[in-house]
């Protein structure tokens, strides 16, 4: 499993804990066991941090939370909850395209 696939799996298991325009805190509803090893976490954080429209990402493994500061002109505020809840909205599609584009770029960069 690639780090990009792991990121997509993690995104499917998070919920919004707090959200202000340009700043969202996500909580992982399950333990990381079986999903990510400690070595995967910095790579996942780096991938999130490199998404277009994302300014910074801070992971707190003990609290199972992730704080993302983002540009709401690039990623609409509604995109996060719509995407995480599987809603088929234009906002969710924006975030889905950003994540998928990043995944494809990472896959293309992997030798093999």
PDB file of N, CA and C in Angstrom:
ATOM      1  N   UNK A   1       0.843  -1.172   0.000  1.00  0.00           N
ATOM      2  CA  UNK A   1       0.000   0.000   0.000  1.00  0.00           C
ATOM      3  C   UNK A   1       0.895   1.245   0.000  1.00  0.00           C
ATOM      4  N   UNK A   2       0.579   2.176  -0.868  1.00  0.00           N
ATOM      5  CA  UNK A   2       1.361   3.407  -0.939  1.00  0.00           C
ATOM      6  C   UNK A   2       0.912   4.364   0.158  1.00  0.00           C
ATOM      7  N   UNK A   3       1.742   5.392   0.400  1.00  0.00           N
ATOM      8  CA  UNK A   3       1.365   6.416   1.369  1.00  0.00           C
ATOM      9  C   UNK A   3       0.103   7.153   0.906  1.00  0.00           C
ATOM     10  N   UNK A   4      -0.053   7.326  -0.398  1.00  0.00           N
ATOM     11  CA  UNK A   4      -1.238   8.004  -0.924  1.00  0.00           C
ATOM     12  C   UNK A   4      -2.492   7.177  -0.645  1.00  0.00           C
ATOM     13  N   UNK A   5      -2.399   5.859  -0.809  1.00  0.00           N
ATOM     14  CA  UNK A   5      -3.537   4.992  -0.507  1.00  0.00           C
ATOM     15  C   UNK A   5      -3.863   5.025   0.987  1.00  0.00           C
ATOM     16  N   UNK A   6      -2.808   5.053   1.802  1.00  0.00           N
ATOM     17  CA  UNK A   6      -2.994   5.135   3.244  1.00  0.00           C
ATOM     18  C   UNK A   6      -3.679   6.442   3.629  1.00  0.00           C
ATOM     19  N   UNK A   7      -3.288   7.529   2.978  1.00  0.00           N
ATOM     20  CA  UNK A   7      -3.925   8.824   3.227  1.00  0.00           C
ATOM     21  C   UNK A   7      -5.417   8.755   2.913  1.00  0.00           C
ATOM     22  N   UNK A   8      -5.768   8.169   1.778  1.00  0.00           N
ATOM     23  CA  UNK A   8      -7.180   8.047   1.409  1.00  0.00           C
ATOM     24  C   UNK A   8      -7.940   7.189   2.420  1.00  0.00           C
ATOM     25  N   UNK A   9      -7.301   6.135   2.923  1.00  0.00           N
ATOM     26  CA  UNK A   9      -7.938   5.296   3.942  1.00  0.00           C
ATOM     27  C   UNK A   9      -8.164   6.083   5.220  1.00  0.00           C
ATOM     28  N   UNK A  10      -7.169   6.858   5.617  1.00  0.00           N
ATOM     29  CA  UNK A  10      -7.303   7.660   6.833  1.00  0.00           C
ATOM     30  C   UNK A  10      -8.408   8.701   6.689  1.00  0.00           C
ATOM     31  N   UNK A  11      -8.470   9.343   5.520  1.00  0.00           N
ATOM     32  CA  UNK A  11      -9.501  10.360   5.300  1.00  0.00           C
ATOM     33  C   UNK A  11     -10.903   9.770   5.402  1.00  0.00           C
ATOM     34  N   UNK A  12     -11.032   8.491   5.076  1.00  0.00           N
ATOM     35  CA  UNK A  12     -12.353   7.862   5.166  1.00  0.00           C
ATOM     36  C   UNK A  12     -12.743   7.548   6.608  1.00  0.00           C
ATOM     37  N   UNK A  13     -11.811   7.732   7.546  1.00  0.00           N
ATOM     38  CA  UNK A  13     -12.076   7.388   8.946  1.00  0.00           C
ATOM     39  C   UNK A  13     -11.971   8.587   9.885  1.00  0.00           C
ATOM     40  N   UNK A  14     -12.052   9.774   9.345  1.00  0.00           N
ATOM     41  CA  UNK A  14     -11.972  10.954  10.190  1.00  0.00           C
ATOM     42  C   UNK A  14     -13.298  11.700  10.194  1.00  0.00           C
ATOM     43  N   UNK A  15     -13.452  12.526  11.207  1.00  0.00           N
ATOM     44  CA  UNK A  15     -14.618  13.396  11.301  1.00  0.00           C
ATOM     45  C   UNK A  15     -14.125  14.796  11.624  1.00  0.00           C
ATOM     46  N   UNK A  16     -14.959  15.759  11.368  1.00  0.00           N
ATOM     47  CA  UNK A  16     -14.628  17.143  11.665  1.00  0.00           C
ATOM     48  C   UNK A  16     -14.913  17.397  13.141  1.00  0.00           C
ATOM     49  N   UNK A  17     -13.887  17.823  13.867  1.00  0.00           N
ATOM     50  CA  UNK A  17     -14.052  18.140  15.281  1.00  0.00           C
ATOM     51  C   UNK A  17     -14.344  19.624  15.468  1.00  0.00           C
ATOM     52  N   UNK A  18     -13.740  20.457  14.630  1.00  0.00           N
ATOM     53  CA  UNK A  18     -13.906  21.903  14.742  1.00  0.00           C
ATOM     54  C   UNK A  18     -13.541  22.510  13.400  1.00  0.00           C
ATOM     55  N   UNK A  19     -14.285  23.529  12.985  1.00  0.00           N
ATOM     56  CA  UNK A  19     -14.013  24.102  11.667  1.00  0.00           C
ATOM     57  C   UNK A  19     -14.314  25.591  11.654  1.00  0.00           C
ATOM     58  N   UNK A  20     -13.312  26.351  11.330  1.00  0.00           N
ATOM     59  CA  UNK A  20     -13.432  27.781  11.048  1.00  0.00           C
ATOM     60  C   UNK A  20     -12.944  27.982   9.626  1.00  0.00           C
ATOM     61  N   UNK A  21     -13.374  29.030   8.996  1.00  0.00           N
ATOM     62  CA  UNK A  21     -12.924  29.297   7.629  1.00  0.00           C
ATOM     63  C   UNK A  21     -11.387  29.345   7.594  1.00  0.00           C
ATOM     64  N   UNK A  22     -10.796  28.431   6.838  1.00  0.00           N
ATOM     65  CA  UNK A  22      -9.344  28.377   6.691  1.00  0.00           C
ATOM     66  C   UNK A  22      -8.626  27.515   7.712  1.00  0.00           C
ATOM     67  N   UNK A  23      -9.376  26.922   8.640  1.00  0.00           N
ATOM     68  CA  UNK A  23      -8.748  26.113   9.686  1.00  0.00           C
ATOM     69  C   UNK A  23      -9.715  25.014  10.116  1.00  0.00           C
ATOM     70  N   UNK A  24      -9.253  23.765  10.008  1.00  0.00           N
ATOM     71  CA  UNK A  24     -10.116  22.636  10.378  1.00  0.00           C
ATOM     72  C   UNK A  24      -9.329  21.639  11.220  1.00  0.00           C
ATOM     73  N   UNK A  25      -9.981  21.130  12.258  1.00  0.00           N
ATOM     74  CA  UNK A  25      -9.390  20.069  13.076  1.00  0.00           C
ATOM     75  C   UNK A  25     -10.167  18.791  12.796  1.00  0.00           C
ATOM     76  N   UNK A  26      -9.436  17.771  12.379  1.00  0.00           N
ATOM     77  CA  UNK A  26     -10.010  16.466  12.073  1.00  0.00           C
ATOM     78  C   UNK A  26      -9.630  15.493  13.174  1.00  0.00           C
ATOM     79  N   UNK A  27     -10.551  14.605  13.521  1.00  0.00           N
ATOM     80  CA  UNK A  27     -10.300  13.575  14.526  1.00  0.00           C
ATOM     81  C   UNK A  27     -10.440  12.206  13.870  1.00  0.00           C
ATOM     82  N   UNK A  28      -9.481  11.353  14.151  1.00  0.00           N
ATOM     83  CA  UNK A  28      -9.526   9.978  13.671  1.00  0.00           C
ATOM     84  C   UNK A  28     -10.390   9.181  14.641  1.00  0.00           C
ATOM     85  N   UNK A  29     -11.440   8.570  14.136  1.00  0.00           N
ATOM     86  CA  UNK A  29     -12.387   7.862  14.986  1.00  0.00           C
ATOM     87  C   UNK A  29     -11.938   6.469  15.378  1.00  0.00           C
ATOM     88  N   UNK A  30     -10.831   6.032  14.858  1.00  0.00           N
ATOM     89  CA  UNK A  30     -10.353   4.690  15.145  1.00  0.00           C
ATOM     90  C   UNK A  30      -8.871   4.759  15.476  1.00  0.00           C
ATOM     91  N   UNK A  31      -8.352   3.699  16.017  1.00  0.00           N
ATOM     92  CA  UNK A  31      -6.928   3.628  16.317  1.00  0.00           C
ATOM     93  C   UNK A  31      -6.150   3.478  15.017  1.00  0.00           C
ATOM     94  N   UNK A  32      -4.911   3.908  15.026  1.00  0.00           N
ATOM     95  CA  UNK A  32      -4.062   3.788  13.842  1.00  0.00           C
ATOM     96  C   UNK A  32      -3.540   2.367  13.633  1.00  0.00           C
ATOM     97  N   UNK A  33      -3.720   1.492  14.611  1.00  0.00           N
ATOM     98  CA  UNK A  33      -3.206   0.124  14.487  1.00  0.00           C
ATOM     99  C   UNK A  33      -3.746  -0.514  13.221  1.00  0.00           C
ATOM    100  N   UNK A  34      -2.870  -1.110  12.473  1.00  0.00           N
ATOM    101  CA  UNK A  34      -3.271  -1.765  11.239  1.00  0.00           C
ATOM    102  C   UNK A  34      -3.380  -0.817  10.059  1.00  0.00           C
ATOM    103  N   UNK A  35      -3.343   0.484  10.320  1.00  0.00           N
ATOM    104  CA  UNK A  35      -3.418   1.454   9.234  1.00  0.00           C
ATOM    105  C   UNK A  35      -2.062   2.061   8.935  1.00  0.00           C
ATOM    106  N   UNK A  36      -1.450   2.640   9.939  1.00  0.00           N
ATOM    107  CA  UNK A  36      -0.209   3.373   9.710  1.00  0.00           C
ATOM    108  C   UNK A  36       0.803   3.038  10.791  1.00  0.00           C
ATOM    109  N   UNK A  37       2.027   2.883  10.355  1.00  0.00           N
ATOM    110  CA  UNK A  37       3.115   2.745  11.294  1.00  0.00           C
ATOM    111  C   UNK A  37       3.704   4.114  11.577  1.00  0.00           C
ATOM    112  N   UNK A  38       4.511   4.199  12.593  1.00  0.00           N
ATOM    113  CA  UNK A  38       5.113   5.480  12.955  1.00  0.00           C
ATOM    114  C   UNK A  38       5.923   6.058  11.801  1.00  0.00           C
ATOM    115  N   UNK A  39       6.508   5.199  10.981  1.00  0.00           N
ATOM    116  CA  UNK A  39       7.307   5.671   9.845  1.00  0.00           C
ATOM    117  C   UNK A  39       6.439   6.295   8.759  1.00  0.00           C
ATOM    118  N   UNK A  40       5.172   5.922   8.692  1.00  0.00           N
ATOM    119  CA  UNK A  40       4.265   6.461   7.678  1.00  0.00           C
ATOM    120  C   UNK A  40       3.781   7.872   8.004  1.00  0.00           C
ATOM    121  N   UNK A  41       3.719   8.209   9.267  1.00  0.00           N
ATOM    122  CA  UNK A  41       3.104   9.457   9.697  1.00  0.00           C
ATOM    123  C   UNK A  41       3.788  10.692   9.118  1.00  0.00           C
ATOM    124  N   UNK A  42       5.115  10.810   9.174  1.00  0.00           N
ATOM    125  CA  UNK A  42       5.731  12.004   8.573  1.00  0.00           C
ATOM    126  C   UNK A  42       5.458  12.122   7.069  1.00  0.00           C
ATOM    127  N   UNK A  43       5.389  10.998   6.386  1.00  0.00           N
ATOM    128  CA  UNK A  43       5.117  11.017   4.949  1.00  0.00           C
ATOM    129  C   UNK A  43       3.681  11.461   4.676  1.00  0.00           C
ATOM    130  N   UNK A  44       2.753  10.991   5.485  1.00  0.00           N
ATOM    131  CA  UNK A  44       1.354  11.391   5.331  1.00  0.00           C
ATOM    132  C   UNK A  44       1.215  12.886   5.608  1.00  0.00           C
ATOM    133  N   UNK A  45       1.877  13.354   6.654  1.00  0.00           N
ATOM    134  CA  UNK A  45       1.841  14.782   6.984  1.00  0.00           C
ATOM    135  C   UNK A  45       2.420  15.608   5.833  1.00  0.00           C
ATOM    136  N   UNK A  46       3.505  15.142   5.250  1.00  0.00           N
ATOM    137  CA  UNK A  46       4.130  15.847   4.126  1.00  0.00           C
ATOM    138  C   UNK A  46       3.200  15.884   2.918  1.00  0.00           C
ATOM    139  N   UNK A  47       2.533  14.764   2.654  1.00  0.00           N
ATOM    140  CA  UNK A  47       1.610  14.715   1.514  1.00  0.00           C
ATOM    141  C   UNK A  47       0.458  15.694   1.709  1.00  0.00           C
ATOM    142  N   UNK A  48      -0.112  15.716   2.896  1.00  0.00           N
ATOM    143  CA  UNK A  48      -1.201  16.645   3.179  1.00  0.00           C
ATOM    144  C   UNK A  48      -0.725  18.086   3.051  1.00  0.00           C
ATOM    145  N   UNK A  49       0.467  18.331   3.564  1.00  0.00           N
ATOM    146  CA  UNK A  49       1.030  19.681   3.562  1.00  0.00           C
ATOM    147  C   UNK A  49       1.290  20.185   2.139  1.00  0.00           C
ATOM    148  N   UNK A  50       1.461  19.280   1.185  1.00  0.00           N
ATOM    149  CA  UNK A  50       1.760  19.660  -0.198  1.00  0.00           C
ATOM    150  C   UNK A  50       0.517  19.762  -1.079  1.00  0.00           C
ATOM    151  N   UNK A  51      -0.654  19.483  -0.532  1.00  0.00           N
ATOM    152  CA  UNK A  51      -1.865  19.612  -1.334  1.00  0.00           C
ATOM    153  C   UNK A  51      -2.080  21.074  -1.714  1.00  0.00           C
ATOM    154  N   UNK A  52      -2.449  21.338  -2.954  1.00  0.00           N
ATOM    155  CA  UNK A  52      -2.744  22.718  -3.346  1.00  0.00           C
ATOM    156  C   UNK A  52      -3.823  23.305  -2.442  1.00  0.00           C
ATOM    157  N   UNK A  53      -3.568  24.487  -1.941  1.00  0.00           N
ATOM    158  CA  UNK A  53      -4.520  25.158  -1.067  1.00  0.00           C
ATOM    159  C   UNK A  53      -4.294  24.895   0.408  1.00  0.00           C
ATOM    160  N   UNK A  54      -3.373  23.999   0.754  1.00  0.00           N
ATOM    161  CA  UNK A  54      -3.077  23.704   2.156  1.00  0.00           C
ATOM    162  C   UNK A  54      -1.824  24.458   2.559  1.00  0.00           C
ATOM    163  N   UNK A  55      -1.946  25.236   3.640  1.00  0.00           N
ATOM    164  CA  UNK A  55      -0.810  26.007   4.140  1.00  0.00           C
ATOM    165  C   UNK A  55       0.037  25.204   5.122  1.00  0.00           C
ATOM    166  N   UNK A  56      -0.629  24.501   6.043  1.00  0.00           N
ATOM    167  CA  UNK A  56       0.126  23.725   7.032  1.00  0.00           C
ATOM    168  C   UNK A  56      -0.742  22.598   7.578  1.00  0.00           C
ATOM    169  N   UNK A  57      -0.049  21.590   8.080  1.00  0.00           N
ATOM    170  CA  UNK A  57      -0.690  20.418   8.667  1.00  0.00           C
ATOM    171  C   UNK A  57       0.077  20.065   9.936  1.00  0.00           C
ATOM    172  N   UNK A  58      -0.656  19.861  11.013  1.00  0.00           N
ATOM    173  CA  UNK A  58      -0.035  19.426  12.261  1.00  0.00           C
ATOM    174  C   UNK A  58      -0.793  18.210  12.779  1.00  0.00           C
ATOM    175  N   UNK A  59      -0.077  17.091  12.856  1.00  0.00           N
ATOM    176  CA  UNK A  59      -0.667  15.848  13.361  1.00  0.00           C
ATOM    177  C   UNK A  59      -0.332  15.695  14.841  1.00  0.00           C
ATOM    178  N   UNK A  60      -1.299  15.242  15.608  1.00  0.00           N
ATOM    179  CA  UNK A  60      -1.091  14.916  17.017  1.00  0.00           C
ATOM    180  C   UNK A  60      -1.530  13.468  17.180  1.00  0.00           C
ATOM    181  N   UNK A  61      -0.554  12.567  17.199  1.00  0.00           N
ATOM    182  CA  UNK A  61      -0.874  11.137  17.242  1.00  0.00           C
ATOM    183  C   UNK A  61      -1.553  10.729  18.539  1.00  0.00           C
ATOM    184  N   UNK A  62      -1.119  11.307  19.662  1.00  0.00           N
ATOM    185  CA  UNK A  62      -1.730  10.935  20.938  1.00  0.00           C
ATOM    186  C   UNK A  62      -3.206  11.318  20.989  1.00  0.00           C
ATOM    187  N   UNK A  63      -3.529  12.474  20.440  1.00  0.00           N
ATOM    188  CA  UNK A  63      -4.925  12.931  20.433  1.00  0.00           C
ATOM    189  C   UNK A  63      -5.689  12.419  19.218  1.00  0.00           C
ATOM    190  N   UNK A  64      -4.989  11.749  18.309  1.00  0.00           N
ATOM    191  CA  UNK A  64      -5.570  11.277  17.043  1.00  0.00           C
ATOM    192  C   UNK A  64      -6.275  12.426  16.322  1.00  0.00           C
ATOM    193  N   UNK A  65      -5.570  13.548  16.225  1.00  0.00           N
ATOM    194  CA  UNK A  65      -6.151  14.704  15.551  1.00  0.00           C
ATOM    195  C   UNK A  65      -5.166  15.305  14.565  1.00  0.00           C
ATOM    196  N   UNK A  66      -5.726  16.080  13.663  1.00  0.00           N
ATOM    197  CA  UNK A  66      -4.942  16.724  12.613  1.00  0.00           C
ATOM    198  C   UNK A  66      -5.522  18.119  12.415  1.00  0.00           C
ATOM    199  N   UNK A  67      -4.662  19.125  12.509  1.00  0.00           N
ATOM    200  CA  UNK A  67      -5.073  20.499  12.278  1.00  0.00           C
ATOM    201  C   UNK A  67      -4.566  20.910  10.900  1.00  0.00           C
ATOM    202  N   UNK A  68      -5.479  21.352  10.050  1.00  0.00           N
ATOM    203  CA  UNK A  68      -5.127  21.765   8.690  1.00  0.00           C
ATOM    204  C   UNK A  68      -5.495  23.234   8.535  1.00  0.00           C
ATOM    205  N   UNK A  69      -4.513  24.033   8.133  1.00  0.00           N
ATOM    206  CA  UNK A  69      -4.778  25.417   7.774  1.00  0.00           C
ATOM    207  C   UNK A  69      -4.754  25.469   6.256  1.00  0.00           C
ATOM    208  N   UNK A  70      -5.810  26.035   5.664  1.00  0.00           N
ATOM    209  CA  UNK A  70      -5.972  25.970   4.221  1.00  0.00           C
ATOM    210  C   UNK A  70      -6.495  27.287   3.672  1.00  0.00           C
ATOM    211  N   UNK A  71      -6.403  27.415   2.364  1.00  0.00           N
ATOM    212  CA  UNK A  71      -6.898  28.598   1.661  1.00  0.00           C
ATOM    213  C   UNK A  71      -8.335  28.325   1.227  1.00  0.00           C
ATOM    214  N   UNK A  72      -9.311  28.999   1.835  1.00  0.00           N
ATOM    215  CA  UNK A  72     -10.700  28.730   1.479  1.00  0.00           C
ATOM    216  C   UNK A  72     -11.065  29.205   0.076  1.00  0.00           C
ATOM    217  N   UNK A  73     -10.200  29.968  -0.566  1.00  0.00           N
ATOM    218  CA  UNK A  73     -10.443  30.343  -1.958  1.00  0.00           C
ATOM    219  C   UNK A  73     -10.068  29.205  -2.910  1.00  0.00           C
ATOM    220  N   UNK A  74      -9.249  28.272  -2.431  1.00  0.00           N
ATOM    221  CA  UNK A  74      -8.865  27.104  -3.234  1.00  0.00           C
ATOM    222  C   UNK A  74      -9.717  25.900  -2.854  1.00  0.00           C
ATOM    223  N   UNK A  75      -9.879  25.674  -1.557  1.00  0.00           N
ATOM    224  CA  UNK A  75     -10.687  24.564  -1.049  1.00  0.00           C
ATOM    225  C   UNK A  75     -11.877  25.174  -0.310  1.00  0.00           C
ATOM    226  N   UNK A  76     -13.060  25.074  -0.885  1.00  0.00           N
ATOM    227  CA  UNK A  76     -14.234  25.661  -0.230  1.00  0.00           C
ATOM    228  C   UNK A  76     -14.456  25.060   1.162  1.00  0.00           C
ATOM    229  N   UNK A  77     -14.949  25.875   2.066  1.00  0.00           N
ATOM    230  CA  UNK A  77     -15.183  25.427   3.436  1.00  0.00           C
ATOM    231  C   UNK A  77     -16.077  24.186   3.469  1.00  0.00           C
ATOM    232  N   UNK A  78     -17.098  24.140   2.640  1.00  0.00           N
ATOM    233  CA  UNK A  78     -18.020  23.000   2.624  1.00  0.00           C
ATOM    234  C   UNK A  78     -17.368  21.725   2.097  1.00  0.00           C
ATOM    235  N   UNK A  79     -16.247  21.856   1.408  1.00  0.00           N
ATOM    236  CA  UNK A  79     -15.609  20.695   0.776  1.00  0.00           C
ATOM    237  C   UNK A  79     -15.208  19.631   1.789  1.00  0.00           C
ATOM    238  N   UNK A  80     -14.718  20.063   2.929  1.00  0.00           N
ATOM    239  CA  UNK A  80     -14.204  19.108   3.912  1.00  0.00           C
ATOM    240  C   UNK A  80     -15.293  18.166   4.407  1.00  0.00           C
ATOM    241  N   UNK A  81     -16.366  18.710   4.941  1.00  0.00           N
ATOM    242  CA  UNK A  81     -17.422  17.855   5.478  1.00  0.00           C
ATOM    243  C   UNK A  81     -18.123  17.077   4.373  1.00  0.00           C
ATOM    244  N   UNK A  82     -18.361  17.723   3.240  1.00  0.00           N
ATOM    245  CA  UNK A  82     -19.009  17.023   2.129  1.00  0.00           C
ATOM    246  C   UNK A  82     -18.149  15.848   1.666  1.00  0.00           C
ATOM    247  N   UNK A  83     -16.857  16.070   1.508  1.00  0.00           N
ATOM    248  CA  UNK A  83     -15.935  15.027   1.065  1.00  0.00           C
ATOM    249  C   UNK A  83     -15.886  13.883   2.084  1.00  0.00           C
ATOM    250  N   UNK A  84     -15.721  14.233   3.363  1.00  0.00           N
ATOM    251  CA  UNK A  84     -15.578  13.214   4.400  1.00  0.00           C
ATOM    252  C   UNK A  84     -16.861  12.412   4.605  1.00  0.00           C
ATOM    253  N   UNK A  85     -18.004  13.021   4.312  1.00  0.00           N
ATOM    254  CA  UNK A  85     -19.273  12.313   4.472  1.00  0.00           C
ATOM    255  C   UNK A  85     -19.747  11.671   3.172  1.00  0.00           C
ATOM    256  N   UNK A  86     -18.939  11.745   2.135  1.00  0.00           N
ATOM    257  CA  UNK A  86     -19.257  11.083   0.881  1.00  0.00           C
ATOM    258  C   UNK A  86     -20.352  11.758   0.074  1.00  0.00           C
ATOM    259  N   UNK A  87     -20.581  13.022   0.320  1.00  0.00           N
ATOM    260  CA  UNK A  87     -21.602  13.750  -0.432  1.00  0.00           C
ATOM    261  C   UNK A  87     -21.096  14.082  -1.829  1.00  0.00           C
ATOM    262  N   UNK A  88     -21.980  14.004  -2.794  1.00  0.00           N
ATOM    263  CA  UNK A  88     -21.631  14.329  -4.187  1.00  0.00           C
ATOM    264  C   UNK A  88     -21.988  15.786  -4.447  1.00  0.00           C
ATOM    265  N   UNK A  89     -21.106  16.671  -3.997  1.00  0.00           N
ATOM    266  CA  UNK A  89     -21.316  18.100  -4.207  1.00  0.00           C
ATOM    267  C   UNK A  89     -20.135  18.671  -4.985  1.00  0.00           C
ATOM    268  N   UNK A  90     -20.325  19.843  -5.526  1.00  0.00           N
ATOM    269  CA  UNK A  90     -19.243  20.506  -6.253  1.00  0.00           C
ATOM    270  C   UNK A  90     -18.065  20.783  -5.321  1.00  0.00           C
ATOM    271  N   UNK A  91     -18.359  21.187  -4.089  1.00  0.00           N
ATOM    272  CA  UNK A  91     -17.294  21.467  -3.120  1.00  0.00           C
ATOM    273  C   UNK A  91     -16.488  20.196  -2.828  1.00  0.00           C
ATOM    274  N   UNK A  92     -17.183  19.089  -2.582  1.00  0.00           N
ATOM    275  CA  UNK A  92     -16.502  17.821  -2.312  1.00  0.00           C
ATOM    276  C   UNK A  92     -15.682  17.384  -3.521  1.00  0.00           C
ATOM    277  N   UNK A  93     -16.206  17.597  -4.715  1.00  0.00           N
ATOM    278  CA  UNK A  93     -15.475  17.237  -5.927  1.00  0.00           C
ATOM    279  C   UNK A  93     -14.177  18.027  -6.052  1.00  0.00           C
ATOM    280  N   UNK A  94     -14.185  19.271  -5.599  1.00  0.00           N
ATOM    281  CA  UNK A  94     -12.964  20.083  -5.627  1.00  0.00           C
ATOM    282  C   UNK A  94     -11.885  19.437  -4.781  1.00  0.00           C
ATOM    283  N   UNK A  95     -12.215  19.078  -3.550  1.00  0.00           N
ATOM    284  CA  UNK A  95     -11.232  18.453  -2.669  1.00  0.00           C
ATOM    285  C   UNK A  95     -10.849  17.068  -3.178  1.00  0.00           C
ATOM    286  N   UNK A  96     -11.812  16.324  -3.695  1.00  0.00           N
ATOM    287  CA  UNK A  96     -11.527  14.989  -4.243  1.00  0.00           C
ATOM    288  C   UNK A  96     -10.520  15.088  -5.393  1.00  0.00           C
ATOM    289  N   UNK A  97     -10.714  16.066  -6.276  1.00  0.00           N
ATOM    290  CA  UNK A  97      -9.777  16.253  -7.402  1.00  0.00           C
ATOM    291  C   UNK A  97      -8.377  16.603  -6.901  1.00  0.00           C
ATOM    292  N   UNK A  98      -8.302  17.452  -5.892  1.00  0.00           N
ATOM    293  CA  UNK A  98      -7.003  17.842  -5.339  1.00  0.00           C
ATOM    294  C   UNK A  98      -6.283  16.623  -4.760  1.00  0.00           C
ATOM    295  N   UNK A  99      -6.994  15.816  -3.983  1.00  0.00           N
ATOM    296  CA  UNK A  99      -6.393  14.622  -3.375  1.00  0.00           C
ATOM    297  C   UNK A  99      -6.008  13.608  -4.448  1.00  0.00           C
ATOM    298  N   UNK A 100      -6.880  13.380  -5.422  1.00  0.00           N
ATOM    299  CA  UNK A 100      -6.570  12.411  -6.480  1.00  0.00           C
ATOM    300  C   UNK A 100      -5.406  12.872  -7.344  1.00  0.00           C
ATOM    301  N   UNK A 101      -5.344  14.165  -7.637  1.00  0.00           N
ATOM    302  CA  UNK A 101      -4.229  14.685  -8.417  1.00  0.00           C
ATOM    303  C   UNK A 101      -2.916  14.478  -7.665  1.00  0.00           C
ATOM    304  N   UNK A 102      -2.924  14.752  -6.374  1.00  0.00           N
ATOM    305  CA  UNK A 102      -1.722  14.544  -5.564  1.00  0.00           C
ATOM    306  C   UNK A 102      -1.351  13.066  -5.542  1.00  0.00           C
ATOM    307  N   UNK A 103      -2.346  12.199  -5.457  1.00  0.00           N
ATOM    308  CA  UNK A 103      -2.086  10.755  -5.457  1.00  0.00           C
ATOM    309  C   UNK A 103      -1.445  10.323  -6.774  1.00  0.00           C
ATOM    310  N   UNK A 104      -1.970  10.810  -7.890  1.00  0.00           N
ATOM    311  CA  UNK A 104      -1.405  10.452  -9.190  1.00  0.00           C
ATOM    312  C   UNK A 104       0.021  10.974  -9.338  1.00  0.00           C
ATOM    313  N   UNK A 105       0.268  12.179  -8.867  1.00  0.00           N
ATOM    314  CA  UNK A 105       1.620  12.731  -8.944  1.00  0.00           C
ATOM    315  C   UNK A 105       2.590  11.903  -8.113  1.00  0.00           C
ATOM    316  N   UNK A 106       2.140  11.446  -6.946  1.00  0.00           N
ATOM    317  CA  UNK A 106       2.998  10.608  -6.099  1.00  0.00           C
ATOM    318  C   UNK A 106       3.242   9.254  -6.748  1.00  0.00           C
ATOM    319  N   UNK A 107       2.208   8.689  -7.350  1.00  0.00           N
ATOM    320  CA  UNK A 107       2.352   7.388  -8.004  1.00  0.00           C
ATOM    321  C   UNK A 107       3.306   7.491  -9.196  1.00  0.00           C
ATOM    322  N   UNK A 108       3.231   8.591  -9.934  1.00  0.00           N
ATOM    323  CA  UNK A 108       4.120   8.788 -11.079  1.00  0.00           C
ATOM    324  C   UNK A 108       5.561   8.980 -10.649  1.00  0.00           C
ATOM    325  N   UNK A 109       5.761   9.492  -9.437  1.00  0.00           N
ATOM    326  CA  UNK A 109       7.108   9.761  -8.950  1.00  0.00           C
ATOM    327  C   UNK A 109       7.779   8.509  -8.384  1.00  0.00           C
ATOM    328  N   UNK A 110       6.992   7.451  -8.102  1.00  0.00           N
ATOM    329  CA  UNK A 110       7.545   6.229  -7.540  1.00  0.00           C
ATOM    330  C   UNK A 110       8.186   5.416  -8.661  1.00  0.00           C
ATOM    331  N   UNK A 111       9.480   5.099  -8.521  1.00  0.00           N
ATOM    332  CA  UNK A 111      10.126   4.286  -9.560  1.00  0.00           C
ATOM    333  C   UNK A 111       9.567   2.872  -9.563  1.00  0.00           C
ATOM    334  N   UNK A 112       9.509   2.306 -10.737  1.00  0.00           N
ATOM    335  CA  UNK A 112       9.055   0.924 -10.741  1.00  0.00           C
ATOM    336  C   UNK A 112       8.223   0.621 -11.886  1.00  0.00           C
TER     337      UNK A 112
END
